[in-house]
N, C-alpha and C. Protein backbone atom coordinates (compact mmCIF):
# COMPACT_ATOMS: atom_id res chain seq x y z
N ALA A 1 60.26 75.33 23.32
CA ALA A 1 61.67 75.27 23.55
C ALA A 1 61.92 75.80 25.02
N GLY A 2 62.85 75.19 25.65
CA GLY A 2 63.17 75.54 27.06
C GLY A 2 64.15 76.69 27.07
N THR A 3 64.40 77.19 28.29
CA THR A 3 65.31 78.19 28.56
C THR A 3 66.52 77.60 29.28
N VAL A 4 67.72 78.02 28.93
CA VAL A 4 68.91 77.50 29.55
C VAL A 4 69.22 78.37 30.78
N TYR A 5 69.36 77.77 31.92
CA TYR A 5 69.81 78.47 33.14
C TYR A 5 71.10 77.84 33.55
N ALA A 6 72.22 78.60 33.57
CA ALA A 6 73.49 78.03 33.92
C ALA A 6 73.76 78.38 35.43
N ALA A 7 74.72 77.69 36.04
CA ALA A 7 74.96 77.88 37.48
C ALA A 7 75.26 79.36 37.70
N GLY A 8 74.66 79.91 38.69
CA GLY A 8 74.88 81.30 39.07
C GLY A 8 73.95 82.29 38.33
N ALA A 9 73.22 81.83 37.30
CA ALA A 9 72.46 82.72 36.48
C ALA A 9 70.99 82.87 37.02
N ALA A 10 70.59 81.94 37.87
CA ALA A 10 69.23 82.00 38.39
C ALA A 10 69.33 82.41 39.86
N ALA A 11 68.55 83.39 40.26
CA ALA A 11 68.58 83.88 41.60
C ALA A 11 67.95 82.87 42.58
N GLU A 12 68.40 82.86 43.83
CA GLU A 12 67.86 81.98 44.84
C GLU A 12 66.35 82.17 44.94
N GLY A 13 65.62 81.08 44.93
CA GLY A 13 64.20 81.17 45.07
C GLY A 13 63.47 81.41 43.78
N ALA A 14 64.18 81.58 42.67
CA ALA A 14 63.49 81.89 41.41
C ALA A 14 62.56 80.76 41.02
N LYS A 15 61.40 81.08 40.54
CA LYS A 15 60.43 80.10 40.07
C LYS A 15 60.62 79.95 38.55
N VAL A 16 60.74 78.75 38.09
CA VAL A 16 60.96 78.44 36.73
C VAL A 16 59.91 77.46 36.26
N LYS A 17 59.13 77.85 35.24
CA LYS A 17 58.10 76.92 34.75
C LYS A 17 58.66 75.80 33.86
N HIS A 18 59.57 76.18 32.95
CA HIS A 18 60.17 75.21 32.05
C HIS A 18 61.64 75.47 31.94
N GLY A 19 62.37 74.51 31.39
CA GLY A 19 63.78 74.69 31.15
C GLY A 19 64.58 73.64 31.88
N PHE A 20 65.89 73.92 32.01
CA PHE A 20 66.75 73.01 32.75
C PHE A 20 67.90 73.78 33.33
N ALA A 21 68.57 73.18 34.25
CA ALA A 21 69.82 73.74 34.90
C ALA A 21 70.93 72.76 34.62
N ILE A 22 72.10 73.27 34.24
CA ILE A 22 73.25 72.41 34.10
C ILE A 22 74.37 73.14 34.89
N SER A 23 75.05 72.40 35.72
CA SER A 23 76.18 72.98 36.45
C SER A 23 77.11 71.82 36.78
N PRO A 24 78.34 72.16 37.31
CA PRO A 24 79.23 71.08 37.64
C PRO A 24 78.65 70.09 38.65
N ALA A 25 77.61 70.50 39.35
CA ALA A 25 76.96 69.63 40.35
C ALA A 25 75.99 68.63 39.67
N GLY A 26 75.65 68.82 38.43
CA GLY A 26 74.71 67.92 37.76
C GLY A 26 73.80 68.64 36.81
N PHE A 27 72.80 67.92 36.32
CA PHE A 27 71.83 68.33 35.35
C PHE A 27 70.44 68.03 35.83
N CYS A 28 69.51 68.98 35.75
CA CYS A 28 68.13 68.68 36.19
C CYS A 28 67.19 69.49 35.43
N ARG A 29 65.98 68.96 35.28
CA ARG A 29 64.87 69.73 34.69
C ARG A 29 64.35 70.73 35.69
N LEU A 30 63.84 71.84 35.21
CA LEU A 30 63.24 72.89 36.09
C LEU A 30 61.81 73.04 35.73
N PHE A 31 60.96 72.11 36.16
CA PHE A 31 59.56 72.24 36.00
C PHE A 31 58.99 72.67 37.37
N MET A 32 58.68 73.91 37.46
CA MET A 32 58.20 74.52 38.70
C MET A 32 59.13 74.24 39.86
N GLY A 33 60.44 74.38 39.56
CA GLY A 33 61.50 74.18 40.58
C GLY A 33 61.87 75.56 41.14
N SER A 34 62.55 75.52 42.31
CA SER A 34 63.08 76.69 42.96
C SER A 34 64.58 76.59 42.95
N ALA A 35 65.22 77.61 42.45
CA ALA A 35 66.75 77.61 42.48
C ALA A 35 67.20 77.94 43.85
N LYS A 36 68.23 77.26 44.38
CA LYS A 36 68.83 77.47 45.64
C LYS A 36 70.20 78.19 45.46
N ALA A 37 70.69 78.80 46.51
CA ALA A 37 71.96 79.51 46.40
C ALA A 37 73.13 78.59 46.06
N ASP A 38 73.04 77.29 46.42
CA ASP A 38 74.17 76.38 46.13
C ASP A 38 74.12 75.80 44.69
N GLY A 39 73.25 76.28 43.88
CA GLY A 39 73.17 75.81 42.53
C GLY A 39 72.25 74.63 42.31
N LYS A 40 71.74 74.03 43.33
CA LYS A 40 70.84 72.92 43.26
C LYS A 40 69.42 73.41 43.10
N VAL A 41 68.49 72.53 42.72
CA VAL A 41 67.17 72.96 42.51
C VAL A 41 66.18 72.10 43.36
N ALA A 42 65.30 72.81 44.07
CA ALA A 42 64.27 72.12 44.81
C ALA A 42 63.11 71.78 43.89
N ASP A 43 62.84 70.50 43.69
CA ASP A 43 61.83 70.00 42.79
C ASP A 43 60.45 70.19 43.44
N GLU A 44 59.57 70.88 42.77
CA GLU A 44 58.26 71.06 43.30
C GLU A 44 57.24 70.10 42.71
N TYR A 45 57.69 69.24 41.80
CA TYR A 45 56.89 68.18 41.27
C TYR A 45 57.44 66.89 41.77
N LYS A 46 57.15 66.46 42.96
CA LYS A 46 57.72 65.35 43.60
C LYS A 46 57.51 64.01 42.82
N ALA A 47 56.42 63.91 42.09
CA ALA A 47 56.14 62.70 41.37
C ALA A 47 57.02 62.54 40.10
N MET A 48 57.68 63.59 39.72
CA MET A 48 58.52 63.53 38.48
C MET A 48 59.98 63.67 38.86
N PRO A 49 60.79 62.65 38.54
CA PRO A 49 62.24 62.74 38.85
C PRO A 49 62.85 63.90 38.20
N ASN A 50 63.68 64.57 38.94
CA ASN A 50 64.27 65.83 38.46
C ASN A 50 65.81 65.63 38.09
N SER A 51 66.41 64.56 38.60
CA SER A 51 67.79 64.36 38.36
C SER A 51 68.00 63.51 37.09
N LEU A 52 68.82 63.99 36.20
CA LEU A 52 69.00 63.31 34.90
C LEU A 52 70.52 63.14 34.66
N ASP A 53 70.80 62.12 33.83
CA ASP A 53 72.21 62.00 33.36
C ASP A 53 72.57 63.18 32.55
N ALA A 54 73.88 63.41 32.42
CA ALA A 54 74.33 64.54 31.56
C ALA A 54 73.83 64.33 30.15
N PRO A 55 73.38 65.40 29.51
CA PRO A 55 72.79 65.25 28.20
C PRO A 55 73.87 64.93 27.15
N LYS A 56 73.51 64.15 26.14
CA LYS A 56 74.43 63.88 25.03
C LYS A 56 74.52 65.05 24.09
N ALA A 57 73.36 65.80 23.99
CA ALA A 57 73.35 66.99 23.11
C ALA A 57 72.55 68.04 23.78
N VAL A 58 72.95 69.31 23.55
CA VAL A 58 72.20 70.48 24.01
C VAL A 58 72.02 71.35 22.76
N VAL A 59 70.81 71.78 22.58
CA VAL A 59 70.49 72.72 21.45
C VAL A 59 70.25 74.14 22.04
N LEU A 60 71.11 75.06 21.64
CA LEU A 60 70.91 76.43 22.04
C LEU A 60 70.07 77.13 21.01
N PHE A 61 69.34 78.11 21.38
CA PHE A 61 68.48 78.90 20.48
C PHE A 61 68.88 80.32 20.41
N ALA A 62 69.11 80.84 19.23
CA ALA A 62 69.39 82.20 18.99
C ALA A 62 68.20 82.80 18.22
N ASP A 63 68.08 84.12 18.27
CA ASP A 63 67.01 84.77 17.46
C ASP A 63 67.63 85.96 16.79
N ASP A 64 68.59 85.68 15.87
CA ASP A 64 69.33 86.66 15.10
C ASP A 64 68.57 86.95 13.86
N ALA A 65 67.79 88.08 13.90
CA ALA A 65 66.97 88.45 12.83
C ALA A 65 67.78 88.81 11.53
N THR A 66 69.04 89.12 11.68
CA THR A 66 69.88 89.41 10.53
C THR A 66 70.19 88.15 9.74
N ALA A 67 70.03 86.99 10.34
CA ALA A 67 70.34 85.71 9.74
C ALA A 67 71.84 85.53 9.50
N THR A 68 72.67 86.28 10.23
CA THR A 68 74.11 86.07 10.12
C THR A 68 74.47 84.68 10.68
N ILE A 69 73.86 84.38 11.82
CA ILE A 69 73.99 82.99 12.41
C ILE A 69 73.24 82.08 11.52
N PRO A 70 73.90 80.94 11.10
CA PRO A 70 73.18 80.00 10.21
C PRO A 70 71.94 79.40 10.91
N ALA A 71 71.02 78.87 10.11
CA ALA A 71 69.81 78.34 10.66
C ALA A 71 70.09 77.22 11.67
N ALA A 72 71.09 76.34 11.35
CA ALA A 72 71.46 75.27 12.26
C ALA A 72 72.97 75.06 12.18
N SER A 73 73.61 74.82 13.28
CA SER A 73 75.02 74.59 13.30
C SER A 73 75.40 73.69 14.45
N LYS A 74 76.57 73.00 14.26
CA LYS A 74 77.18 72.18 15.29
C LYS A 74 78.31 73.04 15.87
N LEU A 75 78.42 73.14 17.23
CA LEU A 75 79.40 73.99 17.84
C LEU A 75 80.41 73.21 18.63
N THR A 76 81.61 73.67 18.68
CA THR A 76 82.62 73.19 19.66
C THR A 76 82.20 73.75 21.04
N PRO A 77 82.69 73.20 22.13
CA PRO A 77 82.34 73.73 23.43
C PRO A 77 82.70 75.29 23.53
N PRO A 78 83.95 75.68 23.07
CA PRO A 78 84.21 77.11 23.18
C PRO A 78 83.28 77.97 22.32
N GLN A 79 82.86 77.49 21.15
CA GLN A 79 81.87 78.18 20.30
C GLN A 79 80.53 78.22 21.04
N ALA A 80 80.12 77.18 21.69
CA ALA A 80 78.85 77.18 22.40
C ALA A 80 78.92 78.21 23.54
N ALA A 81 80.02 78.30 24.23
CA ALA A 81 80.11 79.35 25.26
C ALA A 81 80.08 80.71 24.66
N PHE A 82 80.80 80.94 23.52
CA PHE A 82 80.77 82.22 22.85
C PHE A 82 79.38 82.59 22.42
N TYR A 83 78.68 81.76 21.72
CA TYR A 83 77.36 82.07 21.22
C TYR A 83 76.31 82.10 22.26
N PHE A 84 76.46 81.40 23.40
CA PHE A 84 75.56 81.57 24.50
C PHE A 84 75.61 82.98 24.98
N ALA A 85 76.85 83.51 25.15
CA ALA A 85 77.01 84.91 25.64
C ALA A 85 76.61 85.90 24.58
N ALA A 86 76.82 85.55 23.30
CA ALA A 86 76.54 86.53 22.19
C ALA A 86 75.10 86.60 21.84
N ALA A 87 74.36 85.46 21.79
CA ALA A 87 73.04 85.45 21.20
C ALA A 87 72.02 84.53 21.81
N CYS A 88 72.42 83.64 22.76
CA CYS A 88 71.48 82.62 23.20
C CYS A 88 71.07 82.77 24.66
N ALA A 89 71.72 83.60 25.42
CA ALA A 89 71.44 83.76 26.86
C ALA A 89 70.02 84.37 27.13
N PRO A 90 69.33 83.80 28.12
CA PRO A 90 68.05 84.42 28.38
C PRO A 90 68.18 85.86 28.85
N LYS A 91 67.17 86.67 28.62
CA LYS A 91 67.18 88.05 29.06
C LYS A 91 67.41 88.10 30.56
N GLY A 92 68.24 89.05 31.00
CA GLY A 92 68.51 89.16 32.41
C GLY A 92 69.73 88.44 32.87
N THR A 93 70.33 87.60 32.00
CA THR A 93 71.54 86.88 32.41
C THR A 93 72.68 87.87 32.65
N THR A 94 73.38 87.64 33.70
CA THR A 94 74.55 88.55 34.00
C THR A 94 75.80 87.73 34.30
N ALA A 95 75.69 86.46 34.64
CA ALA A 95 76.82 85.62 35.00
C ALA A 95 77.37 84.88 33.75
N PHE A 96 77.75 85.63 32.78
CA PHE A 96 78.21 85.02 31.48
C PHE A 96 79.49 84.21 31.70
N GLY A 97 80.37 84.67 32.54
CA GLY A 97 81.65 83.89 32.78
C GLY A 97 81.33 82.52 33.44
N ASN A 98 80.46 82.52 34.39
CA ASN A 98 80.03 81.27 35.09
C ASN A 98 79.39 80.33 34.04
N ALA A 99 78.49 80.88 33.24
CA ALA A 99 77.81 80.08 32.19
C ALA A 99 78.85 79.49 31.25
N ALA A 100 79.79 80.34 30.81
CA ALA A 100 80.81 79.82 29.86
C ALA A 100 81.65 78.69 30.50
N GLU A 101 82.01 78.81 31.77
CA GLU A 101 82.74 77.77 32.41
C GLU A 101 81.96 76.47 32.45
N VAL A 102 80.66 76.58 32.73
CA VAL A 102 79.83 75.37 32.80
C VAL A 102 79.72 74.73 31.40
N ILE A 103 79.57 75.52 30.39
CA ILE A 103 79.48 74.99 28.99
C ILE A 103 80.77 74.33 28.61
N LEU A 104 81.89 74.99 28.92
CA LEU A 104 83.22 74.34 28.62
C LEU A 104 83.37 73.04 29.31
N ALA A 105 83.00 72.95 30.56
CA ALA A 105 83.10 71.69 31.36
C ALA A 105 82.16 70.64 30.82
N ALA A 106 80.95 71.04 30.41
CA ALA A 106 79.97 70.10 29.90
C ALA A 106 80.44 69.52 28.53
N GLY A 107 81.26 70.23 27.80
CA GLY A 107 81.71 69.83 26.52
C GLY A 107 82.46 68.53 26.50
N ALA A 108 82.94 68.07 27.64
CA ALA A 108 83.62 66.77 27.73
C ALA A 108 82.70 65.63 27.34
N THR A 109 81.39 65.79 27.66
CA THR A 109 80.44 64.67 27.42
C THR A 109 79.23 65.09 26.59
N THR A 110 79.13 66.38 26.23
CA THR A 110 77.96 66.86 25.58
C THR A 110 78.34 67.55 24.27
N THR A 111 77.52 67.32 23.27
CA THR A 111 77.72 67.95 21.98
C THR A 111 76.69 69.12 21.87
N PHE A 112 77.16 70.26 21.41
CA PHE A 112 76.27 71.46 21.37
C PHE A 112 75.88 71.78 19.91
N TYR A 113 74.68 72.21 19.77
CA TYR A 113 74.13 72.65 18.47
C TYR A 113 73.45 74.00 18.73
N MET A 114 73.27 74.73 17.63
CA MET A 114 72.56 76.00 17.77
C MET A 114 71.55 76.12 16.58
N ILE A 115 70.35 76.55 16.92
CA ILE A 115 69.27 76.86 16.00
C ILE A 115 69.09 78.34 16.04
N ASN A 116 69.10 79.02 14.91
CA ASN A 116 68.81 80.45 14.83
C ASN A 116 67.43 80.60 14.27
N ARG A 117 66.45 80.93 15.19
CA ARG A 117 65.06 81.10 14.73
C ARG A 117 64.92 82.19 13.67
N GLY A 118 65.83 83.20 13.73
CA GLY A 118 65.75 84.30 12.77
C GLY A 118 66.08 83.94 11.36
N ALA A 119 66.62 82.74 11.13
CA ALA A 119 67.02 82.35 9.77
C ALA A 119 66.01 81.42 9.14
N PHE A 120 64.88 81.15 9.86
CA PHE A 120 63.87 80.23 9.32
C PHE A 120 62.67 80.99 8.77
N THR A 121 61.96 80.32 7.89
CA THR A 121 60.75 80.94 7.28
C THR A 121 59.58 80.91 8.29
N SER A 122 59.65 80.12 9.31
CA SER A 122 58.56 80.03 10.30
C SER A 122 59.14 79.44 11.64
N ALA A 123 58.39 79.77 12.75
CA ALA A 123 58.80 79.24 14.02
C ALA A 123 58.60 77.72 14.00
N ALA A 124 57.61 77.18 13.31
CA ALA A 124 57.43 75.72 13.22
C ALA A 124 58.60 75.05 12.51
N ALA A 125 59.11 75.70 11.50
CA ALA A 125 60.27 75.14 10.78
C ALA A 125 61.53 75.12 11.70
N ALA A 126 61.71 76.16 12.48
CA ALA A 126 62.83 76.15 13.45
C ALA A 126 62.71 75.06 14.49
N ASP A 127 61.48 74.86 15.02
CA ASP A 127 61.26 73.84 16.01
C ASP A 127 61.46 72.49 15.43
N ALA A 128 60.98 72.26 14.20
CA ALA A 128 61.22 70.94 13.55
C ALA A 128 62.69 70.68 13.33
N ALA A 129 63.46 71.70 12.92
CA ALA A 129 64.90 71.49 12.76
C ALA A 129 65.57 71.20 14.08
N ALA A 130 65.14 71.87 15.11
CA ALA A 130 65.75 71.60 16.46
C ALA A 130 65.58 70.15 16.86
N ALA A 131 64.39 69.60 16.58
CA ALA A 131 64.12 68.21 16.95
C ALA A 131 65.00 67.19 16.19
N LYS A 132 65.55 67.63 15.03
CA LYS A 132 66.28 66.70 14.17
C LYS A 132 67.80 66.92 14.14
N VAL A 133 68.26 67.99 14.79
CA VAL A 133 69.67 68.39 14.56
C VAL A 133 70.66 67.54 15.37
N ALA A 134 70.30 67.00 16.51
CA ALA A 134 71.26 66.21 17.29
C ALA A 134 71.77 65.03 16.50
N GLY A 135 73.08 64.82 16.59
CA GLY A 135 73.74 63.77 15.77
C GLY A 135 74.17 64.15 14.42
N GLN A 136 73.80 65.31 13.96
CA GLN A 136 74.22 65.79 12.67
C GLN A 136 75.56 66.49 12.68
N SER A 137 76.22 66.47 11.58
CA SER A 137 77.49 67.22 11.46
C SER A 137 77.26 68.25 10.37
N GLY A 138 78.17 69.21 10.35
CA GLY A 138 78.07 70.27 9.39
C GLY A 138 79.31 70.58 8.66
N SER A 139 79.25 71.52 7.72
CA SER A 139 80.44 71.96 6.96
C SER A 139 80.70 73.43 7.34
N VAL A 140 81.94 73.67 7.67
CA VAL A 140 82.33 75.04 8.08
C VAL A 140 82.14 75.98 6.88
N SER A 141 81.41 77.00 7.08
CA SER A 141 81.14 78.02 6.02
C SER A 141 80.58 79.29 6.64
N GLY A 142 80.37 80.28 5.82
CA GLY A 142 79.73 81.53 6.22
C GLY A 142 80.67 82.46 6.96
N PRO A 143 80.14 83.65 7.21
CA PRO A 143 80.99 84.71 7.83
C PRO A 143 81.37 84.41 9.29
N LEU A 144 80.70 83.49 9.96
CA LEU A 144 81.09 83.19 11.33
C LEU A 144 81.96 81.97 11.47
N GLY A 145 82.18 81.23 10.37
CA GLY A 145 83.04 80.06 10.41
C GLY A 145 82.46 78.91 11.19
N LEU A 146 81.14 78.79 11.25
CA LEU A 146 80.48 77.73 12.02
C LEU A 146 80.25 76.51 11.10
N ALA A 147 80.10 75.36 11.72
CA ALA A 147 79.80 74.12 11.02
C ALA A 147 78.31 74.12 10.79
N GLU A 148 77.91 74.60 9.57
CA GLU A 148 76.52 74.74 9.19
C GLU A 148 75.91 73.42 8.85
N ILE A 149 74.73 73.17 9.39
CA ILE A 149 74.00 71.91 9.09
C ILE A 149 72.83 72.33 8.20
N LYS A 150 72.69 71.63 7.11
CA LYS A 150 71.59 71.89 6.18
C LYS A 150 70.32 71.33 6.73
N VAL A 151 69.29 72.20 6.83
CA VAL A 151 67.96 71.81 7.37
C VAL A 151 66.86 72.37 6.50
N GLU A 152 65.71 71.76 6.62
CA GLU A 152 64.52 72.25 5.88
C GLU A 152 64.00 73.48 6.57
N GLY A 153 63.47 74.39 5.78
CA GLY A 153 62.73 75.59 6.37
C GLY A 153 63.64 76.73 6.58
N ALA A 154 64.96 76.62 6.33
CA ALA A 154 65.89 77.74 6.44
C ALA A 154 65.73 78.56 5.15
N GLY A 155 65.47 79.85 5.25
CA GLY A 155 65.21 80.61 4.08
C GLY A 155 65.80 81.98 4.07
N LYS A 156 66.58 82.32 5.09
CA LYS A 156 67.06 83.64 5.17
C LYS A 156 68.62 83.61 5.33
N ALA A 157 69.28 84.65 4.81
CA ALA A 157 70.76 84.75 4.97
C ALA A 157 71.11 86.21 4.85
N ALA A 158 72.13 86.59 5.61
CA ALA A 158 72.53 88.02 5.72
C ALA A 158 73.35 88.37 4.49
N ASP A 159 73.32 89.66 4.09
CA ASP A 159 74.18 90.16 3.08
C ASP A 159 75.56 90.39 3.73
N ALA A 160 76.60 90.56 2.93
CA ALA A 160 77.99 90.62 3.44
C ALA A 160 78.20 91.76 4.45
N ALA A 161 77.64 92.91 4.16
CA ALA A 161 77.80 94.08 5.07
C ALA A 161 77.17 93.83 6.42
N THR A 162 75.94 93.28 6.39
CA THR A 162 75.21 93.03 7.60
C THR A 162 75.94 91.95 8.42
N ALA A 163 76.39 90.91 7.74
CA ALA A 163 77.14 89.80 8.40
C ALA A 163 78.40 90.31 9.06
N ALA A 164 79.14 91.17 8.36
CA ALA A 164 80.38 91.71 8.94
C ALA A 164 80.11 92.57 10.18
N ALA A 165 79.06 93.42 10.12
CA ALA A 165 78.73 94.28 11.24
C ALA A 165 78.21 93.40 12.43
N THR A 166 77.43 92.42 12.15
CA THR A 166 76.89 91.56 13.22
C THR A 166 78.05 90.79 13.90
N ALA A 167 78.95 90.25 13.10
CA ALA A 167 80.08 89.49 13.60
C ALA A 167 80.92 90.38 14.57
N LYS A 168 81.17 91.64 14.16
CA LYS A 168 81.90 92.61 15.00
C LYS A 168 81.15 92.85 16.33
N ALA A 169 79.85 92.98 16.20
CA ALA A 169 79.04 93.22 17.40
C ALA A 169 79.10 92.06 18.35
N PHE A 170 79.04 90.84 17.83
CA PHE A 170 79.17 89.64 18.66
C PHE A 170 80.51 89.60 19.41
N VAL A 171 81.59 89.86 18.66
CA VAL A 171 82.92 89.85 19.27
C VAL A 171 83.03 90.90 20.36
N ALA A 172 82.53 92.10 20.13
CA ALA A 172 82.63 93.16 21.08
C ALA A 172 81.80 92.80 22.38
N SER A 173 80.61 92.25 22.14
CA SER A 173 79.73 91.88 23.25
C SER A 173 80.36 90.77 24.07
N VAL A 174 80.87 89.72 23.47
CA VAL A 174 81.44 88.64 24.26
C VAL A 174 82.69 89.03 24.95
N GLY A 175 83.51 89.93 24.27
CA GLY A 175 84.71 90.41 24.91
C GLY A 175 84.45 91.11 26.23
N GLY A 176 83.34 91.82 26.24
CA GLY A 176 82.98 92.47 27.55
C GLY A 176 82.34 91.59 28.53
N ARG A 177 81.61 90.61 28.09
CA ARG A 177 80.83 89.65 28.94
C ARG A 177 81.75 88.57 29.54
N CYS A 178 82.75 88.20 28.80
CA CYS A 178 83.63 87.01 29.21
C CYS A 178 85.10 87.51 29.27
N LYS A 179 85.32 88.58 29.97
CA LYS A 179 86.69 89.10 30.12
C LYS A 179 87.66 88.03 30.67
N GLY A 180 88.81 87.98 29.99
CA GLY A 180 89.88 87.05 30.46
C GLY A 180 89.66 85.64 30.00
N MET A 181 88.58 85.31 29.33
CA MET A 181 88.29 83.93 28.89
C MET A 181 88.75 83.82 27.44
N GLU A 182 90.04 83.73 27.25
CA GLU A 182 90.56 83.80 25.87
C GLU A 182 90.09 82.65 24.99
N GLU A 183 89.91 81.45 25.55
CA GLU A 183 89.42 80.29 24.79
C GLU A 183 88.06 80.59 24.22
N VAL A 184 87.21 81.23 24.99
CA VAL A 184 85.86 81.55 24.56
C VAL A 184 85.89 82.68 23.54
N ILE A 185 86.64 83.71 23.83
CA ILE A 185 86.68 84.89 22.92
C ILE A 185 87.28 84.46 21.54
N ALA A 186 88.31 83.59 21.59
CA ALA A 186 88.96 83.17 20.35
C ALA A 186 88.04 82.28 19.48
N ALA A 187 86.99 81.68 20.09
CA ALA A 187 86.07 80.84 19.34
C ALA A 187 85.06 81.64 18.50
N GLY A 188 85.02 82.93 18.67
CA GLY A 188 84.15 83.75 17.89
C GLY A 188 84.67 83.97 16.48
N PRO A 189 83.85 84.72 15.70
CA PRO A 189 84.28 84.95 14.29
C PRO A 189 85.54 85.82 14.23
N LYS A 190 86.29 85.59 13.14
CA LYS A 190 87.47 86.39 12.97
C LYS A 190 87.01 87.66 12.21
N VAL A 191 87.23 88.79 12.84
CA VAL A 191 86.79 90.08 12.21
C VAL A 191 87.98 90.95 11.97
N GLU A 192 87.88 91.80 10.97
CA GLU A 192 88.95 92.73 10.63
C GLU A 192 88.75 93.95 11.52
N GLU A 193 89.91 94.48 11.98
CA GLU A 193 89.88 95.73 12.81
C GLU A 193 89.53 96.89 11.85
N ASP A 194 88.80 97.88 12.46
CA ASP A 194 88.47 99.07 11.66
C ASP A 194 89.72 99.86 11.40
N LYS A 195 89.91 100.32 10.18
CA LYS A 195 91.05 101.16 9.82
C LYS A 195 90.79 102.58 10.26
N LYS A 196 91.74 103.24 10.87
CA LYS A 196 91.51 104.59 11.37
C LYS A 196 92.11 105.59 10.47
């Protein structure tokens, strides 16, 4: 599985072995590419074209060991931005607002899905589900209100108390990472305020 790098999230000159970059300037694979300050990527594999059409589908990967996030789900663009910031961003990401803007813009032509590796019985089952999820639709259910897609190999689910605590943690995290982005924040789970 690749790593998502959004505009502004990769430092100039960063070496990336696998993954892709998506920004308002376009979409490209990052196979041994170097990120430039302007958001473009210098392709170091000249024999392999690096410029691609906008993707029809993007699969984000979470690793929520509590299994509050369903094994597979179809996301709206605001939900994709929310869960990228909450659970799918690569370690070291700091430009959550920029990434959310790119995801929202890409939503005009791209459908987003999320695979939660933590809800599967094995890594192989998660990878197999990821390969089959594009084009699927789901039914809204669970504590997060996501459109859950039924897939093989999903075998874990959170208990109610864990799900409620995890949902609150996601909302708090995204609220701090995407300040002022009400469309993104509102796409998160609906949580009850703590009574004082």
